Amino acid sequence: MAELFAYTDGACSGNPGPGGWGALLIARDGKEVLRERELKGGEANTTNNRMELLAAINALEALERPSSLTVVTDSAYVKGGITQWMHGWKRNGWKTSARKPVKNEDLWRRLDEASRKHEVRWEWVKGHAGHPENERADELARAGMSPFKPGST
């Protein structure tokens, strides 16, 4: 049976500044790659954390039917938020433990909704450490950012 993976990454030139997100979806049977799909996008004025969130959101929203998958991210912010902090934010009316509004609440709500449709395992990998799929997600994120960088055509 095939296993599904989503490798996600965000990039930003300046923080805030032009940013991009990328996702690499791979279906594997053991080591054999059955299918691959690449996604990317960007915004003119954003933050790295928003791009990291959008990479995971877009990967999950791209799946046409409920699926079991592993989302692999190099963002401790995304993994920590979805696996540890979100329950408390929701319980506290989308406030942090310090009673401040949760940053990027709009995207956290969207990620929550998208992830509830699937059986998701969240995995963190160190970024820029030679992990081939993470490096490809980073390339996609940079390509998604490219049209929004000053001087691009």
C-alpha atoms as a PDB file:
ATOM      1  CA  MET A   1       0.000   0.000   0.000  1.00  0.00           C
ATOM      2  CA  ALA A   2       1.282   3.452  -0.906  1.00  0.00           C
ATOM      3  CA  GLU A   3       2.390   5.914   1.741  1.00  0.00           C
ATOM      4  CA  LEU A   4       1.743   9.609   1.232  1.00  0.00           C
ATOM      5  CA  PHE A   5       4.161  12.355   2.282  1.00  0.00           C
ATOM      6  CA  ALA A   6       3.937  16.134   2.038  1.00  0.00           C
ATOM      7  CA  TYR A   7       7.243  17.983   2.365  1.00  0.00           C
ATOM      8  CA  THR A   8       6.573  21.662   3.046  1.00  0.00           C
ATOM      9  CA  ASP A   9       8.637  24.828   3.358  1.00  0.00           C
ATOM     10  CA  GLY A  10       8.305  28.594   3.423  1.00  0.00           C
ATOM     11  CA  ALA A  11      10.734  31.335   2.461  1.00  0.00           C
ATOM     12  CA  CYS A  12      10.837  35.079   2.949  1.00  0.00           C
ATOM     13  CA  SER A  13      13.179  37.807   1.718  1.00  0.00           C
ATOM     14  CA  GLY A  14      13.076  40.119   4.678  1.00  0.00           C
ATOM     15  CA  ASN A  15      10.623  39.355   7.449  1.00  0.00           C
ATOM     16  CA  PRO A  16       8.204  40.835   6.530  1.00  0.00           C
ATOM     17  CA  GLY A  17       8.860  41.016   2.824  1.00  0.00           C
ATOM     18  CA  PRO A  18       8.207  39.031  -0.336  1.00  0.00           C
ATOM     19  CA  GLY A  19       7.625  35.392   0.491  1.00  0.00           C
ATOM     20  CA  GLY A  20       6.880  32.015  -0.997  1.00  0.00           C
ATOM     21  CA  TRP A  21       5.733  28.572   0.000  1.00  0.00           C
ATOM     22  CA  GLY A  22       6.378  25.184  -1.551  1.00  0.00           C
ATOM     23  CA  ALA A  23       5.076  21.672  -1.094  1.00  0.00           C
ATOM     24  CA  LEU A  24       6.203  18.386  -2.576  1.00  0.00           C
ATOM     25  CA  LEU A  25       3.598  15.610  -2.396  1.00  0.00           C
ATOM     26  CA  ILE A  26       4.966  12.102  -2.880  1.00  0.00           C
ATOM     27  CA  ALA A  27       3.180   8.743  -2.923  1.00  0.00           C
ATOM     28  CA  ARG A  28       5.611   5.892  -2.275  1.00  0.00           C
ATOM     29  CA  ASP A  29       5.430   2.132  -2.209  1.00  0.00           C
ATOM     30  CA  GLY A  30       8.453   1.325  -0.097  1.00  0.00           C
ATOM     31  CA  LYS A  31      11.295   3.229  -1.754  1.00  0.00           C
ATOM     32  CA  GLU A  32       9.566   3.394  -5.150  1.00  0.00           C
ATOM     33  CA  VAL A  33       7.999   6.754  -5.981  1.00  0.00           C
ATOM     34  CA  LEU A  34       4.572   6.208  -7.516  1.00  0.00           C
ATOM     35  CA  ARG A  35       3.511   9.828  -7.961  1.00  0.00           C
ATOM     36  CA  GLU A  36       4.857  13.318  -7.283  1.00  0.00           C
ATOM     37  CA  ARG A  37       3.129  16.674  -7.312  1.00  0.00           C
ATOM     38  CA  GLU A  38       4.737  20.062  -6.758  1.00  0.00           C
ATOM     39  CA  LEU A  39       2.887  23.117  -5.440  1.00  0.00           C
ATOM     40  CA  LYS A  40       4.101  26.671  -4.920  1.00  0.00           C
ATOM     41  CA  GLY A  41       2.868  30.186  -4.385  1.00  0.00           C
ATOM     42  CA  GLY A  42       3.796  33.464  -2.813  1.00  0.00           C
ATOM     43  CA  GLU A  43       2.839  36.917  -1.624  1.00  0.00           C
ATOM     44  CA  ALA A  44       4.336  40.369  -1.970  1.00  0.00           C
ATOM     45  CA  ASN A  45       4.383  41.280   1.733  1.00  0.00           C
ATOM     46  CA  THR A  46       4.317  38.482   4.276  1.00  0.00           C
ATOM     47  CA  THR A  47       6.324  36.674   6.938  1.00  0.00           C
ATOM     48  CA  ASN A  48       8.261  33.442   7.010  1.00  0.00           C
ATOM     49  CA  ASN A  49       5.824  31.906   9.510  1.00  0.00           C
ATOM     50  CA  ARG A  50       2.837  32.691   7.280  1.00  0.00           C
ATOM     51  CA  MET A  51       4.593  31.039   4.343  1.00  0.00           C
ATOM     52  CA  GLU A  52       5.431  27.949   6.425  1.00  0.00           C
ATOM     53  CA  LEU A  53       1.752  27.689   7.404  1.00  0.00           C
ATOM     54  CA  LEU A  54       0.539  28.190   3.833  1.00  0.00           C
ATOM     55  CA  ALA A  55       2.831  25.426   2.591  1.00  0.00           C
ATOM     56  CA  ALA A  56       1.216  22.913   4.963  1.00  0.00           C
ATOM     57  CA  ILE A  57      -2.307  24.261   4.318  1.00  0.00           C
ATOM     58  CA  ASN A  58      -1.969  24.082   0.550  1.00  0.00           C
ATOM     59  CA  ALA A  59      -0.511  20.571   0.696  1.00  0.00           C
ATOM     60  CA  LEU A  60      -3.480  19.333   2.744  1.00  0.00           C
ATOM     61  CA  GLU A  61      -6.065  21.268   0.725  1.00  0.00           C
ATOM     62  CA  ALA A  62      -4.663  19.826  -2.529  1.00  0.00           C
ATOM     63  CA  LEU A  63      -5.703  16.312  -1.501  1.00  0.00           C
ATOM     64  CA  GLU A  64      -8.983  15.474  -3.190  1.00  0.00           C
ATOM     65  CA  ARG A  65     -10.136  12.895  -0.651  1.00  0.00           C
ATOM     66  CA  PRO A  66      -9.474  12.128   3.011  1.00  0.00           C
ATOM     67  CA  SER A  67      -6.000  10.638   3.250  1.00  0.00           C
ATOM     68  CA  SER A  68      -3.483   9.294   5.714  1.00  0.00           C
ATOM     69  CA  LEU A  69      -0.192  11.117   5.323  1.00  0.00           C
ATOM     70  CA  THR A  70       2.947  12.421   6.951  1.00  0.00           C
ATOM     71  CA  VAL A  71       3.591  16.157   6.702  1.00  0.00           C
ATOM     72  CA  VAL A  72       7.320  16.840   6.958  1.00  0.00           C
ATOM     73  CA  THR A  73       8.263  20.414   7.866  1.00  0.00           C
ATOM     74  CA  ASP A  74      11.417  22.185   8.960  1.00  0.00           C
ATOM     75  CA  SER A  75       9.284  24.668  10.917  1.00  0.00           C
ATOM     76  CA  ALA A  76       9.186  24.092  14.664  1.00  0.00           C
ATOM     77  CA  TYR A  77       6.500  26.830  14.690  1.00  0.00           C
ATOM     78  CA  VAL A  78       4.152  24.805  12.454  1.00  0.00           C
ATOM     79  CA  LYS A  79       4.804  21.460  14.139  1.00  0.00           C
ATOM     80  CA  GLY A  80       4.588  22.898  17.656  1.00  0.00           C
ATOM     81  CA  GLY A  81       1.464  24.884  16.864  1.00  0.00           C
ATOM     82  CA  ILE A  82      -0.513  22.042  15.331  1.00  0.00           C
ATOM     83  CA  THR A  83       0.622  19.278  17.717  1.00  0.00           C
ATOM     84  CA  GLN A  84       1.019  21.121  21.051  1.00  0.00           C
ATOM     85  CA  TRP A  85      -0.320  24.657  21.269  1.00  0.00           C
ATOM     86  CA  MET A  86      -3.514  24.702  19.202  1.00  0.00           C
ATOM     87  CA  HIS A  87      -5.654  22.836  21.713  1.00  0.00           C
ATOM     88  CA  GLY A  88      -4.918  25.499  24.342  1.00  0.00           C
ATOM     89  CA  TRP A  89      -5.458  28.355  21.885  1.00  0.00           C
ATOM     90  CA  LYS A  90      -8.884  27.017  20.980  1.00  0.00           C
ATOM     91  CA  ARG A  91      -9.780  26.440  24.631  1.00  0.00           C
ATOM     92  CA  ASN A  92      -8.697  30.043  25.408  1.00  0.00           C
ATOM     93  CA  GLY A  93     -10.689  31.583  22.541  1.00  0.00           C
ATOM     94  CA  TRP A  94      -7.629  31.846  20.267  1.00  0.00           C
ATOM     95  CA  LYS A  95      -5.539  33.575  22.904  1.00  0.00           C
ATOM     96  CA  THR A  96      -2.058  32.534  24.008  1.00  0.00           C
ATOM     97  CA  SER A  97      -1.292  31.502  27.576  1.00  0.00           C
ATOM     98  CA  ALA A  98      -0.312  35.170  28.085  1.00  0.00           C
ATOM     99  CA  ARG A  99      -3.872  36.114  26.971  1.00  0.00           C
ATOM    100  CA  LYS A 100      -2.611  37.772  23.792  1.00  0.00           C
ATOM    101  CA  PRO A 101      -4.208  37.089  20.383  1.00  0.00           C
ATOM    102  CA  VAL A 102      -2.637  34.158  18.531  1.00  0.00           C
ATOM    103  CA  LYS A 103      -0.510  35.456  15.663  1.00  0.00           C
ATOM    104  CA  ASN A 104      -1.639  34.188  12.260  1.00  0.00           C
ATOM    105  CA  GLU A 105      -4.945  33.008  13.716  1.00  0.00           C
ATOM    106  CA  ASP A 106      -6.549  33.045  10.252  1.00  0.00           C
ATOM    107  CA  LEU A 107      -4.013  30.531   8.945  1.00  0.00           C
ATOM    108  CA  TRP A 108      -4.015  28.402  12.105  1.00  0.00           C
ATOM    109  CA  ARG A 109      -7.808  28.064  11.762  1.00  0.00           C
ATOM    110  CA  ARG A 110      -7.412  27.121   8.110  1.00  0.00           C
ATOM    111  CA  LEU A 111      -4.696  24.562   8.938  1.00  0.00           C
ATOM    112  CA  ASP A 112      -6.893  23.112  11.678  1.00  0.00           C
ATOM    113  CA  GLU A 113      -9.789  22.731   9.240  1.00  0.00           C
ATOM    114  CA  ALA A 114      -7.599  21.231   6.501  1.00  0.00           C
ATOM    115  CA  SER A 115      -5.895  18.765   8.856  1.00  0.00           C
ATOM    116  CA  ARG A 116      -9.193  17.523  10.340  1.00  0.00           C
ATOM    117  CA  LYS A 117     -10.121  16.046   6.949  1.00  0.00           C
ATOM    118  CA  HIS A 118      -7.103  13.735   7.040  1.00  0.00           C
ATOM    119  CA  GLU A 119      -5.160  11.442   9.327  1.00  0.00           C
ATOM    120  CA  VAL A 120      -1.969  13.487   9.653  1.00  0.00           C
ATOM    121  CA  ARG A 121       1.336  12.652  11.291  1.00  0.00           C
ATOM    122  CA  TRP A 122       3.608  15.662  11.739  1.00  0.00           C
ATOM    123  CA  GLU A 123       7.377  15.264  11.444  1.00  0.00           C
ATOM    124  CA  TRP A 124      10.090  17.876  11.875  1.00  0.00           C
ATOM    125  CA  VAL A 125      13.378  17.809   9.975  1.00  0.00           C
ATOM    126  CA  LYS A 126      16.307  20.185  10.258  1.00  0.00           C
ATOM    127  CA  GLY A 127      16.198  22.696   7.394  1.00  0.00           C
ATOM    128  CA  HIS A 128      19.074  23.222   4.988  1.00  0.00           C
ATOM    129  CA  ALA A 129      20.679  19.999   6.165  1.00  0.00           C
ATOM    130  CA  GLY A 130      20.727  18.082   2.883  1.00  0.00           C
ATOM    131  CA  HIS A 131      17.341  16.326   3.244  1.00  0.00           C
ATOM    132  CA  PRO A 132      16.501  15.937  -0.499  1.00  0.00           C
ATOM    133  CA  GLU A 133      12.734  16.412  -0.268  1.00  0.00           C
ATOM    134  CA  ASN A 134      13.038  19.312   2.173  1.00  0.00           C
ATOM    135  CA  GLU A 135      15.581  20.937  -0.129  1.00  0.00           C
ATOM    136  CA  ARG A 136      13.138  20.536  -3.052  1.00  0.00           C
ATOM    137  CA  ALA A 137      10.330  22.108  -0.983  1.00  0.00           C
ATOM    138  CA  ASP A 138      12.705  25.003  -0.242  1.00  0.00           C
ATOM    139  CA  GLU A 139      13.418  25.408  -3.981  1.00  0.00           C
ATOM    140  CA  LEU A 140       9.670  25.493  -4.650  1.00  0.00           C
ATOM    141  CA  ALA A 141       9.168  28.102  -1.920  1.00  0.00           C
ATOM    142  CA  ARG A 142      11.892  30.285  -3.418  1.00  0.00           C
ATOM    143  CA  ALA A 143      10.340  29.866  -6.875  1.00  0.00           C
ATOM    144  CA  GLY A 144       6.962  30.857  -5.402  1.00  0.00           C
ATOM    145  CA  MET A 145       8.540  33.974  -3.926  1.00  0.00           C
ATOM    146  CA  SER A 146      10.422  34.929  -7.092  1.00  0.00           C
ATOM    147  CA  PRO A 147       7.623  36.897  -8.871  1.00  0.00           C
ATOM    148  CA  PHE A 148       7.189  39.091  -5.792  1.00  0.00           C
ATOM    149  CA  LYS A 149      10.834  40.080  -5.340  1.00  0.00           C
ATOM    150  CA  PRO A 150      11.796  43.568  -6.474  1.00  0.00           C
ATOM    151  CA  GLY A 151      13.294  43.614  -9.930  1.00  0.00           C
ATOM    152  CA  SER A 152      11.670  40.355 -11.047  1.00  0.00           C
ATOM    153  CA  THR A 153       9.822  40.303 -14.343  1.00  0.00           C
END
